[in-house]
């Protein structure tokens, strides 16, 4: 039987259009990973209208190559 372990949490993003998924206790890594998923697309998956939904991650920009400064 598969075992499950808590590795983060999900909440509504400030935009109210995406779910923010924060993974901070992943095995074999010491970095926090933040991903976003469209609320509308997630609802369509839950309703059976879509098979999957795209997960996105914010990237750095020219002024700050690290996305860490972009607190969401």
Protein backbone atom coordinates (compact mmCIF):
# COMPACT_ATOMS: atom_id res chain seq x y z
CA UNK A 1 0.00 0.00 0.00
CA UNK A 2 1.29 3.48 -0.87
CA UNK A 3 2.27 5.83 1.91
CA UNK A 4 1.66 9.57 1.80
CA UNK A 5 3.66 12.34 3.43
CA UNK A 6 2.78 16.06 3.77
CA UNK A 7 5.18 18.09 1.60
CA UNK A 8 3.43 21.45 1.26
CA UNK A 9 0.10 23.20 0.92
CA UNK A 10 -2.30 24.77 -1.58
CA UNK A 11 -4.15 28.07 -1.27
CA UNK A 12 -5.97 30.59 -3.44
CA UNK A 13 -3.44 32.98 -5.04
CA UNK A 14 -3.76 36.74 -4.60
CA UNK A 15 -5.10 37.02 -8.17
CA UNK A 16 -8.06 34.80 -7.15
CA UNK A 17 -7.69 33.11 -10.57
CA UNK A 18 -5.10 30.51 -9.62
CA UNK A 19 -4.35 28.04 -6.89
CA UNK A 20 -0.89 28.50 -5.38
CA UNK A 21 0.85 25.23 -4.55
CA UNK A 22 3.84 25.49 -2.23
CA UNK A 23 6.04 22.44 -1.84
CA UNK A 24 8.58 23.00 0.91
CA UNK A 25 9.37 19.65 2.46
CA UNK A 26 10.25 17.57 -0.58
CA UNK A 27 12.62 14.68 0.02
CA UNK A 28 16.17 15.21 -1.26
CA UNK A 29 15.87 19.00 -1.68
CA UNK A 30 16.15 22.05 0.55
CA UNK A 31 14.37 24.54 -1.72
CA UNK A 32 10.76 25.71 -1.62
CA UNK A 33 8.96 25.24 -4.94
CA UNK A 34 5.89 27.32 -5.83
CA UNK A 35 3.54 26.40 -8.67
CA UNK A 36 0.24 27.82 -9.93
CA UNK A 37 -2.82 26.12 -11.43
CA UNK A 38 -5.84 27.87 -12.95
CA UNK A 39 -8.91 27.63 -10.70
CA UNK A 40 -11.22 27.48 -13.74
CA UNK A 41 -9.23 24.68 -15.38
CA UNK A 42 -9.07 22.77 -12.09
CA UNK A 43 -12.87 22.97 -11.81
CA UNK A 44 -13.16 21.62 -15.37
CA UNK A 45 -10.92 18.66 -14.48
CA UNK A 46 -12.98 17.98 -11.35
CA UNK A 47 -16.19 18.07 -13.43
CA UNK A 48 -14.71 15.64 -15.96
CA UNK A 49 -14.65 18.17 -18.83
CA UNK A 50 -10.84 18.11 -19.09
CA UNK A 51 -8.34 15.32 -18.55
CA UNK A 52 -5.55 17.51 -17.18
CA UNK A 53 -4.51 21.06 -16.36
CA UNK A 54 -1.24 22.91 -16.92
CA UNK A 55 0.90 23.74 -13.88
CA UNK A 56 3.07 26.86 -14.19
CA UNK A 57 6.01 28.28 -12.27
CA UNK A 58 7.12 31.91 -12.17
CA UNK A 59 10.53 32.49 -13.75
CA UNK A 60 13.08 35.23 -13.06
CA UNK A 61 13.35 38.36 -15.17
CA UNK A 62 16.22 40.50 -16.50
CA UNK A 63 16.35 42.67 -13.36
CA UNK A 64 16.32 39.70 -11.04
CA UNK A 65 17.21 36.31 -12.51
CA UNK A 66 15.91 34.63 -9.39
CA UNK A 67 12.16 34.32 -8.95
CA UNK A 68 12.68 34.41 -5.15
CA UNK A 69 12.21 38.19 -5.05
CA UNK A 70 8.72 37.82 -6.53
CA UNK A 71 6.76 36.93 -3.43
CA UNK A 72 3.29 35.78 -4.38
